Protein backbone atom coordinates (compact mmCIF):
# COMPACT_ATOMS: atom_id res chain seq x y z
CA UNK A 1 -5.07 -6.85 -29.98
CA UNK A 2 -2.71 -4.02 -30.10
CA UNK A 3 -3.72 -0.55 -28.88
CA UNK A 4 -1.62 2.51 -28.64
CA UNK A 5 -2.63 5.13 -26.07
CA UNK A 6 -1.78 8.65 -27.63
CA UNK A 7 -2.10 12.38 -26.70
CA UNK A 8 -1.12 12.45 -22.99
CA UNK A 9 2.02 13.44 -21.22
CA UNK A 10 3.83 10.56 -19.73
CA UNK A 11 5.70 10.05 -16.57
CA UNK A 12 7.49 6.81 -17.04
CA UNK A 13 8.61 6.21 -13.49
CA UNK A 14 11.58 8.57 -14.07
CA UNK A 15 11.07 11.05 -16.81
CA UNK A 16 8.33 13.28 -17.97
CA UNK A 17 7.82 12.29 -21.73
CA UNK A 18 6.08 14.38 -24.43
CA UNK A 19 4.84 13.11 -27.89
CA UNK A 20 4.82 9.44 -27.07
CA UNK A 21 2.44 6.61 -27.36
CA UNK A 22 2.24 3.77 -25.05
CA UNK A 23 1.56 0.61 -27.09
CA UNK A 24 -0.03 -2.23 -25.37
CA UNK A 25 -0.26 -5.76 -26.49
CA UNK A 26 -2.41 -8.34 -24.23
CA UNK A 27 -1.44 -7.17 -20.66
CA UNK A 28 1.97 -5.75 -21.52
CA UNK A 29 3.59 -2.61 -22.73
CA UNK A 30 5.34 -3.44 -26.14
CA UNK A 31 6.54 -0.06 -27.13
CA UNK A 32 6.99 3.75 -26.57
CA UNK A 33 7.55 5.15 -29.76
CA UNK A 34 6.90 8.83 -31.01
CA UNK A 35 3.46 9.15 -31.78
CA UNK A 36 4.43 10.49 -35.37
CA UNK A 37 6.08 6.95 -35.88
CA UNK A 38 3.39 4.80 -35.06
CA UNK A 39 3.03 1.83 -37.57
CA UNK A 40 -0.14 1.29 -39.76
CA UNK A 41 -2.84 -0.69 -38.54
CA UNK A 42 -2.40 0.01 -34.82
CA UNK A 43 -5.79 1.01 -33.14
CA UNK A 44 -5.19 4.24 -31.22
CA UNK A 45 -7.07 5.55 -28.16
CA UNK A 46 -6.53 9.47 -27.82
CA UNK A 47 -6.36 10.64 -24.22
CA UNK A 48 -5.71 13.90 -22.47
CA UNK A 49 -3.75 14.56 -19.14
CA UNK A 50 -0.84 12.80 -17.61
CA UNK A 51 -0.42 9.04 -18.12
CA UNK A 52 1.46 7.32 -15.21
CA UNK A 53 2.04 4.07 -13.57
CA UNK A 54 -0.72 2.82 -11.51
CA UNK A 55 -0.62 3.15 -7.87
CA UNK A 56 0.15 0.51 -5.57
CA UNK A 57 -1.24 0.45 -1.80
CA UNK A 58 0.07 -1.96 0.45
CA UNK A 59 -2.28 -1.27 3.52
CA UNK A 60 -6.00 -1.15 2.47
CA UNK A 61 -8.50 -2.03 5.24
CA UNK A 62 -11.56 -1.94 3.04
CA UNK A 63 -13.32 0.26 0.69
CA UNK A 64 -16.60 0.72 -1.16
CA UNK A 65 -18.64 0.03 2.09
CA UNK A 66 -16.62 -3.20 2.66
CA UNK A 67 -14.07 -4.19 5.49
CA UNK A 68 -11.94 -6.96 4.70
CA UNK A 69 -12.28 -8.21 8.24
CA UNK A 70 -15.96 -8.57 7.75
CA UNK A 71 -15.96 -9.81 4.22
CA UNK A 72 -13.23 -12.46 4.18
CA UNK A 73 -14.03 -13.84 0.66
CA UNK A 74 -13.48 -13.12 -3.01
CA UNK A 75 -16.44 -10.95 -3.43
CA UNK A 76 -15.30 -8.58 -0.39
CA UNK A 77 -11.93 -8.47 -1.90
CA UNK A 78 -13.22 -7.65 -5.64
CA UNK A 79 -15.41 -4.89 -3.92
CA UNK A 80 -12.29 -3.32 -2.32
CA UNK A 81 -10.14 -3.48 -5.35
CA UNK A 82 -12.90 -2.01 -7.40
CA UNK A 83 -13.52 1.00 -5.03
CA UNK A 84 -9.78 1.84 -5.03
CA UNK A 85 -9.11 1.54 -8.74
CA UNK A 86 -11.65 4.74 -8.89
CA UNK A 87 -8.74 6.58 -7.16
CA UNK A 88 -5.93 5.20 -9.38
CA UNK A 89 -5.06 2.20 -7.26
CA UNK A 90 -4.15 -0.63 -9.65
CA UNK A 91 -2.47 -2.93 -7.31
CA UNK A 92 -3.18 -3.48 -3.56
CA UNK A 93 -2.77 -5.72 -0.40
CA UNK A 94 -6.10 -6.06 1.41
CA UNK A 95 -5.29 -5.80 4.95
CA UNK A 96 -6.82 -7.99 7.73
CA UNK A 97 -6.45 -6.44 11.18
CA UNK A 98 -6.13 -7.99 14.46
CA UNK A 99 -8.58 -10.62 15.02
CA UNK A 100 -9.03 -14.53 15.76
CA UNK A 101 -6.82 -17.13 14.37
CA UNK A 102 -9.61 -18.86 12.72
CA UNK A 103 -10.73 -15.46 10.76
CA UNK A 104 -7.13 -14.83 9.86
CA UNK A 105 -6.92 -18.22 8.25
CA UNK A 106 -10.11 -17.42 6.48
CA UNK A 107 -8.66 -14.15 5.10
CA UNK A 108 -5.69 -15.83 3.88
CA UNK A 109 -7.47 -18.53 2.23
CA UNK A 110 -9.69 -15.92 0.30
CA UNK A 111 -6.82 -13.99 -0.77
CA UNK A 112 -5.57 -17.10 -2.38
CA UNK A 113 -8.67 -17.66 -4.18
CA UNK A 114 -8.73 -14.17 -5.28
CA UNK A 115 -5.19 -14.35 -6.73
CA UNK A 116 -6.39 -17.79 -8.51
CA UNK A 117 -9.45 -15.82 -10.25
CA UNK A 118 -7.27 -13.16 -11.01
CA UNK A 119 -9.39 -10.42 -9.37
CA UNK A 120 -7.82 -7.03 -11.00
CA UNK A 121 -5.84 -5.15 -8.72
CA UNK A 122 -5.39 -7.93 -6.02
CA UNK A 123 -1.62 -8.39 -5.23
CA UNK A 124 -1.55 -10.51 -2.07
CA UNK A 125 -2.38 -10.02 1.54
CA UNK A 126 -1.18 -7.92 4.46
CA UNK A 127 -1.98 -9.25 8.10
CA UNK A 128 -1.70 -6.38 10.43
CA UNK A 129 -1.64 -7.92 13.93
CA UNK A 130 -2.63 -9.74 16.21
CA UNK A 131 1.42 -10.06 16.80
CA UNK A 132 1.60 -6.58 18.09
CA UNK A 133 1.91 -4.75 21.27
CA UNK A 134 -1.11 -3.91 23.27
CA UNK A 135 0.66 -0.91 24.71
CA UNK A 136 0.61 0.36 21.08
CA UNK A 137 -2.76 -0.87 20.17
CA UNK A 138 -4.42 1.94 18.49
CA UNK A 139 -7.92 0.95 17.50
CA UNK A 140 -7.05 -2.88 17.35
CA UNK A 141 -8.62 -5.03 19.97
CA UNK A 142 -5.89 -6.18 22.47
CA UNK A 143 -7.88 -9.15 23.49
CA UNK A 144 -6.91 -10.89 20.38
CA UNK A 145 -3.09 -9.91 20.61
CA UNK A 146 -0.59 -12.61 20.77
CA UNK A 147 2.83 -13.83 19.82
CA UNK A 148 3.42 -15.84 16.54
CA UNK A 149 3.42 -19.42 17.33
CA UNK A 150 3.96 -22.62 14.87
CA UNK A 151 0.27 -22.49 13.65
CA UNK A 152 0.15 -18.75 12.84
CA UNK A 153 3.44 -19.20 10.80
CA UNK A 154 1.78 -22.31 8.91
CA UNK A 155 -1.31 -20.22 7.99
CA UNK A 156 0.76 -17.23 7.10
CA UNK A 157 2.83 -19.08 4.78
CA UNK A 158 0.37 -21.43 3.35
CA UNK A 159 -0.27 -19.13 0.41
CA UNK A 160 2.64 -19.62 -2.27
CA UNK A 161 1.35 -16.94 -4.57
CA UNK A 162 1.12 -13.10 -4.37
CA UNK A 163 3.17 -10.91 -2.51
CA UNK A 164 2.22 -11.13 1.13
CA UNK A 165 3.11 -9.02 4.18
CA UNK A 166 2.72 -9.31 8.06
CA UNK A 167 3.07 -6.54 10.65
CA UNK A 168 4.45 -7.45 13.95
CA UNK A 169 5.79 -5.92 17.16
CA UNK A 170 9.22 -7.46 17.29
CA UNK A 171 9.57 -7.07 20.98
CA UNK A 172 6.73 -9.26 21.43
CA UNK A 173 7.74 -12.25 19.10
CA UNK A 174 10.70 -14.61 18.77
CA UNK A 175 13.02 -13.17 16.17
CA UNK A 176 13.55 -16.86 14.97
CA UNK A 177 9.87 -16.63 13.81
CA UNK A 178 10.48 -13.46 11.95
CA UNK A 179 13.23 -15.10 10.26
CA UNK A 180 11.04 -17.97 9.45
CA UNK A 181 8.30 -15.85 7.80
CA UNK A 182 10.97 -14.02 5.72
CA UNK A 183 12.60 -16.98 4.59
CA UNK A 184 9.12 -18.26 3.13
CA UNK A 185 8.79 -14.91 1.00
CA UNK A 186 6.82 -13.08 3.43
CA UNK A 187 7.54 -9.26 4.00
CA UNK A 188 7.71 -8.39 7.70
CA UNK A 189 7.09 -5.07 8.72
CA UNK A 190 7.20 -3.49 12.34
CA UNK A 191 4.18 -1.73 13.44
CA UNK A 192 2.18 -1.05 16.74
CA UNK A 193 5.54 -1.62 18.48
CA UNK A 194 7.16 -0.17 21.43
CA UNK A 195 10.48 -1.79 20.64
CA UNK A 196 13.76 -0.05 21.37
CA UNK A 197 16.11 0.83 18.66
CA UNK A 198 18.41 -2.20 19.55
CA UNK A 199 15.33 -4.83 19.34
CA UNK A 200 14.18 -3.33 15.87
CA UNK A 201 17.81 -3.29 14.63
CA UNK A 202 18.27 -7.12 15.68
CA UNK A 203 14.74 -7.93 14.01
CA UNK A 204 16.09 -6.17 10.80
CA UNK A 205 19.02 -8.58 10.69
CA UNK A 206 16.39 -11.44 11.10
CA UNK A 207 14.76 -10.13 7.95
CA UNK A 208 12.41 -7.27 8.86
CA UNK A 209 12.01 -5.00 5.73
CA UNK A 210 9.49 -2.48 6.66
CA UNK A 211 7.83 -0.13 8.93
CA UNK A 212 3.84 0.04 8.78
CA UNK A 213 2.61 3.58 8.91
CA UNK A 214 5.62 5.33 10.28
CA UNK A 215 5.32 7.41 13.62
CA UNK A 216 1.62 5.91 14.27
CA UNK A 217 1.39 3.31 16.86
CA UNK A 218 4.94 3.80 17.87
CA UNK A 219 6.93 5.83 20.39
CA UNK A 220 8.36 9.03 18.85
CA UNK A 221 11.89 9.64 18.20
CA UNK A 222 14.06 10.95 21.31
CA UNK A 223 17.38 12.33 21.61
CA UNK A 224 18.60 9.08 23.86
CA UNK A 225 15.94 6.87 23.00
CA UNK A 226 15.61 6.69 19.07
CA UNK A 227 13.00 3.64 19.12
CA UNK A 228 11.40 2.36 16.17
CA UNK A 229 11.36 5.68 14.19
CA UNK A 230 14.92 6.20 14.76
CA UNK A 231 15.61 2.63 13.61
CA UNK A 232 13.56 2.97 10.55
CA UNK A 233 15.37 6.13 9.53
CA UNK A 234 18.76 4.83 10.22
CA UNK A 235 18.53 1.49 8.70
CA UNK A 236 19.25 0.80 4.93
CA UNK A 237 17.32 -1.67 2.91
CA UNK A 238 14.13 -0.91 4.85
CA UNK A 239 10.75 0.73 3.65
CA UNK A 240 8.55 3.00 5.41
CA UNK A 241 4.74 3.46 4.75
CA UNK A 242 3.42 7.15 5.17
CA UNK A 243 -0.04 8.05 5.68
CA UNK A 244 -0.08 11.56 4.04
CA UNK A 245 -3.36 12.98 4.95
CA UNK A 246 -2.53 15.93 7.38
CA UNK A 247 -4.20 13.99 10.39
CA UNK A 248 -2.06 11.03 11.10
CA UNK A 249 1.50 12.70 10.95
CA UNK A 250 2.49 16.45 10.91
CA UNK A 251 3.89 17.53 7.51
CA UNK A 252 6.96 18.64 8.87
CA UNK A 253 7.69 15.17 10.43
CA UNK A 254 6.85 13.72 7.15
CA UNK A 255 9.45 16.16 5.37
CA UNK A 256 11.82 15.56 8.18
CA UNK A 257 11.55 11.76 7.66
CA UNK A 258 11.90 11.75 3.80
CA UNK A 259 14.94 14.20 4.18
CA UNK A 260 16.63 11.82 6.64
CA UNK A 261 15.89 8.49 4.72
CA UNK A 262 15.72 9.42 1.28
CA UNK A 263 12.80 9.22 -0.96
CA UNK A 264 13.49 5.88 -2.65
CA UNK A 265 12.53 3.90 0.42
CA UNK A 266 9.54 5.97 1.41
CA UNK A 267 6.24 4.77 0.17
CA UNK A 268 2.68 6.20 0.24
CA UNK A 269 -0.03 4.03 1.99
CA UNK A 270 -3.70 4.92 2.81
CA UNK A 271 -4.47 2.74 5.74
CA UNK A 272 -7.94 2.97 4.16
CA UNK A 273 -11.09 1.76 5.85
CA UNK A 274 -14.50 0.93 4.25
CA UNK A 275 -15.56 4.58 4.16
CA UNK A 276 -13.46 5.38 0.97
CA UNK A 277 -15.69 5.13 -2.10
CA UNK A 278 -18.78 5.11 -0.08
CA UNK A 279 -21.17 7.50 1.30
CA UNK A 280 -21.03 5.87 5.05
CA UNK A 281 -20.85 8.33 7.83
CA UNK A 282 -20.42 5.46 10.49
CA UNK A 283 -19.32 1.91 10.47
CA UNK A 284 -18.52 -0.84 12.91
CA UNK A 285 -15.06 -2.03 13.34
CA UNK A 286 -14.76 -5.09 15.62
CA UNK A 287 -17.57 -4.04 17.92
CA UNK A 288 -16.62 -0.18 17.98
CA UNK A 289 -18.45 2.58 15.93
CA UNK A 290 -16.24 4.43 13.78
CA UNK A 291 -17.50 8.07 13.04
CA UNK A 292 -16.48 9.85 9.71
CA UNK A 293 -16.06 13.50 9.69
CA UNK A 294 -14.36 16.03 7.48
CA UNK A 295 -11.88 12.96 6.16
CA UNK A 296 -11.18 11.95 9.87
CA UNK A 297 -12.06 8.37 11.14
CA UNK A 298 -12.24 8.06 14.76
CA UNK A 299 -14.03 6.26 17.63
CA UNK A 300 -16.15 7.89 20.28
CA UNK A 301 -12.93 8.50 22.30
CA UNK A 302 -10.88 10.22 19.59
CA UNK A 303 -8.78 7.31 18.60
CA UNK A 304 -7.93 7.38 15.17
CA UNK A 305 -9.46 4.27 13.13
CA UNK A 306 -7.46 3.90 9.77
CA UNK A 307 -7.99 6.75 7.25
CA UNK A 308 -10.35 7.96 4.94
CA UNK A 309 -7.43 8.57 2.37
CA UNK A 310 -7.36 7.55 -1.17
CA UNK A 311 -3.95 7.05 -3.23
CA UNK A 312 -4.91 10.14 -5.59
CA UNK A 313 -5.49 12.38 -2.70
CA UNK A 314 -2.28 11.19 -1.12
CA UNK A 315 -0.45 12.11 -4.26
CA UNK A 316 -1.73 15.60 -4.07
CA UNK A 317 -1.23 16.09 -0.40
CA UNK A 318 2.60 15.17 -0.95
CA UNK A 319 2.87 17.94 -3.48
CA UNK A 320 0.61 20.39 -1.95
CA UNK A 321 1.24 19.55 1.63
CA UNK A 322 4.86 18.23 1.67
CA UNK A 323 6.17 20.42 -1.32
CA UNK A 324 7.78 17.54 -3.21
CA UNK A 325 7.71 17.48 -7.00
CA UNK A 326 5.07 15.45 -8.64
CA UNK A 327 7.42 12.97 -10.16
CA UNK A 328 8.54 12.40 -6.59
CA UNK A 329 5.06 12.01 -5.46
CA UNK A 330 4.06 9.48 -8.15
CA UNK A 331 7.32 7.45 -7.33
CA UNK A 332 6.02 7.23 -3.79
CA UNK A 333 2.79 5.98 -4.90
CA UNK A 334 3.92 3.48 -7.45
CA UNK A 335 7.63 2.60 -7.94
CA UNK A 336 8.69 2.63 -4.41
CA UNK A 337 5.90 0.48 -3.31
CA UNK A 338 6.65 -2.09 -6.18
CA UNK A 339 10.27 -2.09 -5.37
CA UNK A 340 9.23 -3.01 -1.61
CA UNK A 341 7.13 -5.85 -2.92
CA UNK A 342 9.67 -7.14 -5.18
CA UNK A 343 7.57 -6.23 -8.12
CA UNK A 344 9.40 -3.58 -9.81
CA UNK A 345 10.44 -5.64 -12.68
CA UNK A 346 6.89 -5.23 -14.05
CA UNK A 347 5.22 -2.75 -11.97
CA UNK A 348 5.82 0.81 -11.08
CA UNK A 349 6.95 2.06 -14.41
CA UNK A 350 5.52 2.58 -18.20
CA UNK A 351 8.37 0.78 -19.92
CA UNK A 352 8.64 -1.98 -22.49
CA UNK A 353 7.72 -5.33 -20.96
CA UNK A 354 6.00 -3.93 -18.13
CA UNK A 355 2.63 -4.60 -17.16
CA UNK A 356 0.10 -2.15 -18.53
CA UNK A 357 -1.26 -1.13 -15.18
CA UNK A 358 -1.71 2.63 -15.78
CA UNK A 359 -3.56 5.88 -14.35
CA UNK A 360 -4.69 8.71 -16.15
CA UNK A 361 -4.77 11.90 -14.28
CA UNK A 362 -6.01 15.60 -15.00
CA UNK A 363 -4.21 18.98 -14.20
CA UNK A 364 -5.73 18.73 -10.84
CA UNK A 365 -4.58 15.04 -10.21
CA UNK A 366 -7.91 13.93 -10.35
CA UNK A 367 -8.24 10.30 -11.82
CA UNK A 368 -9.77 10.11 -15.30
CA UNK A 369 -9.25 6.50 -16.21
CA UNK A 370 -7.16 3.60 -15.30
CA UNK A 371 -5.96 0.24 -17.07
CA UNK A 372 -5.12 -2.91 -15.08
CA UNK A 373 -3.28 -5.38 -17.37
CA UNK A 374 -4.22 -3.32 -20.44
CA UNK A 375 -7.88 -3.43 -19.55
CA UNK A 376 -9.16 0.19 -19.23
């Protein structure tokens, strides 16, 4: 069936459009005519607000009361995707944090099953640890941390579908293993790292392509010791995930990083936990109690434990806290992560041939409706 969405302003990924219709057939966008030029016999759905490309989040630990580490199955992934869809996220990577090898293998297997079953919103997996540095552990359990080995590489490269990502501390791993992952199509990102500038840049030469939650769980940029932050901002062809919640990183640091690296390689991430889309006030994370208070998630000792952020709130924060334009904020939430994932040929824009993954926002940038593959 062919359906035309009419009545809303449209952000197509580059420009704001007025008076246009988005024509959808099956799961694809097949036309963007002026509304007055719509042909007869096309079913129309009138909407109000701003229609934008659906949000893409590469770091989602949980949502809707579900933590991926605890529910390593299709049902858990489906619940997480459904919870975040309410906030405009039409594509995400369920993120499995530092744990045992056996549970990691179960998570990768579940991701494959969810892709096979075409769970709406499921794009692939993100394994964040255990290949990270205990010196920058954050809330991760150092007892499980270890370098990559052949068995790990085999598990992580076993899934041939989806766009899949692994966070590592380059200084704790063999750079040849980073190259093996990237050659197999895995996106390797630096995070929870204390690596110096030279080590990170060498990892980039071996295929490293991202920085997981820039600034967090890594040493700060210093004049004579640029470290991971300096490498991230000084390198081309790499992408940085930014948690824009006013808690993880100061607004000034975020603005400075965007100014230094440029907007196109910056992407909004949530690092969301199970609390998003739920009424939880506490939850358990690998044996630790996490407390939720005024949008902040932390353990009893005050350690930040992921975030309570959703993508729509992140977009609002980019505009209201950082002072960027709405088109810039929307690109950071859609086209930029799509480009990082290598999916910008079909996601991140409202254009002919692209998948009809869309979000409808009101004037306050609250989500009114989403479509995934044309299904609203």
